[in-house]
Amino acid sequence: MRPTERFAGQENDARGLLRQAQELAQQGDYTTALAMIQRAIQSGADEYTCYLHIAALEWQRHRTDAAMLALQHAIDLQPHRTDAREKMAELYLEAGEVDAAIEQASQVLRRDPDNVTVRPLLVAAHLEKGDWESALRVLDELIALAPNEPIYHFNQAQVFQELGQWGLALIAYDRVVEIGVDRELTARALEAMAMLDRIQIDHILTLVLEDPQFRQEIQQDIEEALIDRQFALSRPGMAALRIILHQLQDKDLPWKPVLYH
């Protein structure tokens, strides 16, 4: 047998052992599955890949330290590859070690600046810390890399909403609707926009009834009055507000301006 044929046979044997290991893991026989992976390594399988399999098995049976150790072995073998670091960042985040997750994710990006896979994880880690500005920065990077991915705009809208920047939140939600490729996400964006409109309209109407100066301002220029008070409505929200204000004018309410003394 020629060396190339012998190598191909070993490679096939190794792949077969890894498949068997996966099947055994699905059946819950982790011990035998791990033994199969060790045999695959001895048969010439790529050690980096094998350690990724080991990490996955150890995580499935809730052995976090063993999973991390396997990932570290993979990283030591091939530091330039990023998938082991991505997985390590994911495991750190699931384990609640947010700073460690951010460090691993950041190392991935230093090696692979255009990596899209790890950035959502980094967003989640920043949100877990309450670091809204960092989360927005990473979301901006994601949107620049994949401008037609609706989930990034949706997540951006959620952060803006959390910060009380309702105008920017509405713009981001509206972008989700405009892209329109995910029906469920589109429906959630429309629902979020309607909720933001309802909250703001309630505040606006309270001001109209209780604040004579605002009442006068909104009569003179509704859009300018809302901007001055940092309100921002969607197009349907603005239409609804105009209808409500018109109905209020038909009632016996103090619409004439009252000057402050």
Protein backbone atom coordinates (compact mmCIF):
# COMPACT_ATOMS: atom_id res chain seq x y z
CA MET A 1 0.00 0.00 0.00
CA ARG A 2 1.31 3.40 -0.98
CA PRO A 3 1.76 6.03 1.78
CA THR A 4 -1.00 8.23 0.35
CA GLU A 5 -3.45 5.30 0.35
CA ARG A 6 -2.48 4.39 3.91
CA PHE A 7 -3.01 8.02 5.03
CA ALA A 8 -6.41 8.17 3.30
CA GLY A 9 -7.44 4.97 5.05
CA GLN A 10 -6.42 6.33 8.45
CA GLU A 11 -8.29 9.54 7.77
CA ASN A 12 -11.45 7.61 6.89
CA ASP A 13 -11.07 5.48 10.02
CA ALA A 14 -10.70 8.62 12.15
CA ARG A 15 -13.82 10.22 10.63
CA GLY A 16 -15.74 7.01 11.24
CA LEU A 17 -14.70 7.00 14.89
CA LEU A 18 -15.81 10.62 15.30
CA ARG A 19 -19.20 9.77 13.77
CA GLN A 20 -19.54 6.86 16.18
CA ALA A 21 -18.63 9.16 19.05
CA GLN A 22 -21.39 11.58 18.05
CA GLU A 23 -23.94 8.75 17.85
CA LEU A 24 -22.91 7.45 21.27
CA ALA A 25 -23.16 10.95 22.76
CA GLN A 26 -26.69 11.30 21.36
CA GLN A 27 -27.54 8.08 23.21
CA GLY A 28 -26.05 9.50 26.41
CA ASP A 29 -23.03 7.16 26.48
CA TYR A 30 -20.46 9.90 27.01
CA THR A 31 -17.73 7.70 28.44
CA THR A 32 -17.59 5.44 25.39
CA ALA A 33 -17.93 8.46 23.11
CA LEU A 34 -14.89 10.08 24.69
CA ALA A 35 -12.95 6.82 24.32
CA MET A 36 -13.87 6.81 20.61
CA ILE A 37 -12.50 10.34 20.21
CA GLN A 38 -9.23 9.30 21.86
CA ARG A 39 -9.02 6.41 19.39
CA ALA A 40 -9.68 8.87 16.56
CA ILE A 41 -6.72 10.99 17.74
CA GLN A 42 -4.52 7.87 17.74
CA SER A 43 -5.78 7.07 14.22
CA GLY A 44 -4.54 10.39 12.90
CA ALA A 45 -7.62 12.59 13.22
CA ASP A 46 -7.11 16.34 13.45
CA GLU A 47 -6.43 16.90 17.15
CA TYR A 48 -7.88 20.41 17.09
CA THR A 49 -11.21 19.07 15.80
CA CYS A 50 -11.13 16.19 18.29
CA TYR A 51 -10.68 18.54 21.22
CA LEU A 52 -13.67 20.56 20.00
CA HIS A 53 -15.71 17.34 20.06
CA ILE A 54 -14.44 16.55 23.56
CA ALA A 55 -15.40 20.04 24.76
CA ALA A 56 -18.91 19.62 23.36
CA LEU A 57 -19.34 16.26 25.10
CA GLU A 58 -18.02 17.53 28.41
CA TRP A 59 -20.34 20.54 28.25
CA GLN A 60 -23.31 18.26 27.51
CA ARG A 61 -22.66 16.34 30.69
CA HIS A 62 -22.23 19.59 32.65
CA ARG A 63 -18.47 19.30 33.17
CA THR A 64 -17.61 22.94 32.53
CA ASP A 65 -14.00 22.76 33.68
CA ALA A 66 -13.29 19.74 31.49
CA ALA A 67 -14.91 21.44 28.49
CA MET A 68 -12.81 24.56 29.03
CA LEU A 69 -9.65 22.45 29.38
CA ALA A 70 -10.37 20.72 26.05
CA LEU A 71 -10.91 24.06 24.35
CA GLN A 72 -7.67 25.39 25.79
CA HIS A 73 -5.85 22.34 24.38
CA ALA A 74 -7.33 23.16 20.96
CA ILE A 75 -6.24 26.79 21.24
CA ASP A 76 -2.73 25.77 22.26
CA LEU A 77 -2.51 23.48 19.22
CA GLN A 78 -3.67 26.09 16.69
CA PRO A 79 -3.81 29.60 18.18
CA HIS A 80 -4.62 31.18 14.80
CA ARG A 81 -7.96 29.35 14.49
CA THR A 82 -10.91 31.08 16.08
CA ASP A 83 -13.72 28.53 16.49
CA ALA A 84 -12.33 27.16 19.79
CA ARG A 85 -12.11 30.71 21.17
CA GLU A 86 -15.65 31.40 19.96
CA LYS A 87 -16.90 28.32 21.80
CA MET A 88 -14.94 29.26 24.90
CA ALA A 89 -16.49 32.73 24.87
CA GLU A 90 -19.93 31.11 24.57
CA LEU A 91 -19.28 28.76 27.48
CA TYR A 92 -17.94 31.58 29.66
CA LEU A 93 -21.09 33.60 28.97
CA GLU A 94 -23.37 30.67 29.76
CA ALA A 95 -21.42 30.12 32.97
CA GLY A 96 -21.94 33.77 33.96
CA GLU A 97 -18.27 34.74 33.57
CA VAL A 98 -19.05 37.79 31.45
CA ASP A 99 -15.65 39.51 31.53
CA ALA A 100 -13.91 36.29 30.46
CA ALA A 101 -16.44 35.90 27.63
CA ILE A 102 -15.73 39.44 26.43
CA GLU A 103 -11.97 38.82 26.54
CA GLN A 104 -12.22 35.64 24.45
CA ALA A 105 -14.60 37.26 21.96
CA SER A 106 -12.30 40.25 21.66
CA GLN A 107 -9.36 37.95 20.94
CA VAL A 108 -11.36 36.35 18.14
CA LEU A 109 -11.98 39.77 16.60
CA ARG A 110 -8.32 40.71 16.88
CA ARG A 111 -7.50 37.65 14.76
CA ASP A 112 -10.57 37.87 12.50
CA PRO A 113 -11.90 41.46 12.38
CA ASP A 114 -14.77 40.57 10.02
CA ASN A 115 -16.02 37.69 12.16
CA VAL A 116 -19.81 37.89 12.37
CA THR A 117 -20.35 34.78 14.48
CA VAL A 118 -18.81 36.06 17.71
CA ARG A 119 -20.20 39.60 17.61
CA PRO A 120 -23.77 38.70 18.69
CA LEU A 121 -22.24 36.89 21.65
CA LEU A 122 -20.24 40.00 22.45
CA VAL A 123 -23.43 42.08 22.29
CA ALA A 124 -25.10 39.69 24.73
CA ALA A 125 -22.13 39.93 27.10
CA HIS A 126 -22.17 43.75 27.07
CA LEU A 127 -25.93 43.75 27.68
CA GLU A 128 -25.45 41.36 30.58
CA LYS A 129 -23.09 43.92 32.12
CA GLY A 130 -25.46 46.79 31.34
CA ASP A 131 -22.84 48.35 29.06
CA TRP A 132 -25.31 49.76 26.53
CA GLU A 133 -22.80 51.91 24.66
CA SER A 134 -20.46 48.99 23.98
CA ALA A 135 -23.41 46.86 22.89
CA LEU A 136 -24.47 49.59 20.44
CA ARG A 137 -20.93 49.88 19.09
CA VAL A 138 -20.79 46.15 18.30
CA LEU A 139 -24.29 46.27 16.80
CA ASP A 140 -23.17 49.12 14.55
CA GLU A 141 -20.30 46.90 13.38
CA LEU A 142 -22.68 44.00 12.75
CA ILE A 143 -25.05 46.20 10.76
CA ALA A 144 -22.15 47.50 8.68
CA LEU A 145 -21.10 43.91 7.91
CA ALA A 146 -24.64 42.61 7.31
CA PRO A 147 -26.99 45.56 6.71
CA ASN A 148 -29.95 43.39 5.67
CA GLU A 149 -29.90 41.11 8.72
CA PRO A 150 -33.08 42.14 10.60
CA ILE A 151 -32.14 40.70 13.99
CA TYR A 152 -29.26 43.18 14.31
CA HIS A 153 -31.59 46.13 13.72
CA PHE A 154 -34.11 44.61 16.14
CA ASN A 155 -31.47 44.23 18.86
CA GLN A 156 -30.29 47.77 18.20
CA ALA A 157 -33.86 49.01 18.61
CA GLN A 158 -34.18 47.17 21.92
CA VAL A 159 -31.03 48.85 23.27
CA PHE A 160 -32.22 52.29 22.12
CA GLN A 161 -35.54 51.61 23.81
CA GLU A 162 -33.79 50.63 27.03
CA LEU A 163 -31.87 53.91 26.90
CA GLY A 164 -35.08 55.88 26.37
CA GLN A 165 -33.99 56.94 22.88
CA TRP A 166 -37.41 56.21 21.43
CA GLY A 167 -36.92 58.02 18.13
CA LEU A 168 -33.84 55.94 17.29
CA ALA A 169 -35.64 52.80 18.51
CA LEU A 170 -38.53 53.49 16.14
CA ILE A 171 -36.14 54.01 13.22
CA ALA A 172 -34.43 50.69 13.95
CA TYR A 173 -37.75 48.83 14.36
CA ASP A 174 -38.97 50.40 11.13
CA ARG A 175 -35.86 49.07 9.38
CA VAL A 176 -36.78 45.55 10.54
CA VAL A 177 -40.22 46.01 8.98
CA GLU A 178 -38.70 47.42 5.81
CA ILE A 179 -36.37 44.43 5.39
CA GLY A 180 -39.35 42.15 6.02
CA VAL A 181 -37.66 38.78 5.48
CA ASP A 182 -38.57 37.39 8.91
CA ARG A 183 -42.32 37.42 9.47
CA GLU A 184 -42.13 36.72 13.20
CA LEU A 185 -39.49 39.40 13.78
CA THR A 186 -41.45 41.86 11.65
CA ALA A 187 -44.55 41.24 13.75
CA ARG A 188 -42.56 41.77 16.94
CA ALA A 189 -41.10 45.01 15.57
CA LEU A 190 -44.58 46.31 14.65
CA GLU A 191 -45.84 45.38 18.11
CA ALA A 192 -42.90 47.17 19.76
CA MET A 193 -43.50 50.29 17.64
CA ALA A 194 -47.18 50.29 18.56
CA MET A 195 -46.30 49.97 22.25
CA LEU A 196 -43.85 52.88 22.07
CA ASP A 197 -46.52 54.96 20.33
CA ARG A 198 -49.11 54.11 23.01
CA ILE A 199 -46.75 55.02 25.86
CA GLN A 200 -45.83 58.34 24.29
CA ILE A 201 -49.37 59.26 23.25
CA ASP A 202 -50.50 58.74 26.85
CA HIS A 203 -47.77 61.13 28.04
CA ILE A 204 -48.57 63.64 25.30
CA LEU A 205 -52.29 63.68 26.11
CA THR A 206 -51.55 64.13 29.81
CA LEU A 207 -49.41 67.15 28.96
CA VAL A 208 -52.07 68.52 26.61
CA LEU A 209 -54.65 68.42 29.38
CA GLU A 210 -52.41 69.63 32.21
CA ASP A 211 -49.87 71.97 30.60
CA PRO A 212 -51.38 75.05 28.90
CA GLN A 213 -48.07 76.06 27.35
CA PHE A 214 -47.59 72.67 25.72
CA ARG A 215 -51.22 72.75 24.59
CA GLN A 216 -50.57 76.03 22.82
CA GLU A 217 -47.33 74.75 21.29
CA ILE A 218 -48.97 71.61 19.94
CA GLN A 219 -51.78 73.67 18.39
CA GLN A 220 -49.28 75.88 16.60
CA ASP A 221 -46.91 73.17 15.31
CA ILE A 222 -47.49 69.60 16.44
CA GLU A 223 -44.26 68.16 15.05
CA GLU A 224 -42.06 70.90 16.49
CA ALA A 225 -43.81 70.66 19.86
CA LEU A 226 -43.16 66.91 20.04
CA ILE A 227 -39.51 67.29 19.06
CA ASP A 228 -39.00 69.98 21.71
CA ARG A 229 -40.30 67.58 24.38
CA GLN A 230 -38.25 64.69 22.93
CA PHE A 231 -41.21 62.65 21.74
CA ALA A 232 -40.90 60.58 18.57
CA LEU A 233 -43.84 58.76 17.03
CA SER A 234 -44.06 56.38 14.11
CA ARG A 235 -46.08 57.41 11.07
CA PRO A 236 -49.17 55.46 12.26
CA GLY A 237 -48.62 56.86 15.76
CA MET A 238 -48.55 60.43 14.51
CA ALA A 239 -51.73 59.84 12.48
CA ALA A 240 -53.46 58.40 15.55
CA LEU A 241 -52.39 61.37 17.69
CA ARG A 242 -53.75 63.86 15.16
CA ILE A 243 -57.12 62.08 15.21
CA ILE A 244 -57.25 62.07 19.02
CA LEU A 245 -56.31 65.75 19.25
CA HIS A 246 -58.97 66.62 16.71
CA GLN A 247 -61.54 64.72 18.79
CA LEU A 248 -60.42 66.54 21.92
CA GLN A 249 -61.02 69.89 20.24
CA ASP A 250 -64.65 68.96 19.80
CA LYS A 251 -65.05 68.61 23.56
CA ASP A 252 -65.37 71.30 26.19
CA LEU A 253 -61.66 71.50 27.05
CA PRO A 254 -59.49 74.55 27.81
CA TRP A 255 -57.83 74.77 24.39
CA LYS A 256 -57.36 78.49 24.52
CA PRO A 257 -53.81 79.32 25.60
CA VAL A 258 -53.33 80.20 29.24
CA LEU A 259 -50.34 82.42 29.95
CA TYR A 260 -48.09 81.67 32.89
CA HIS A 261 -47.81 84.44 35.50
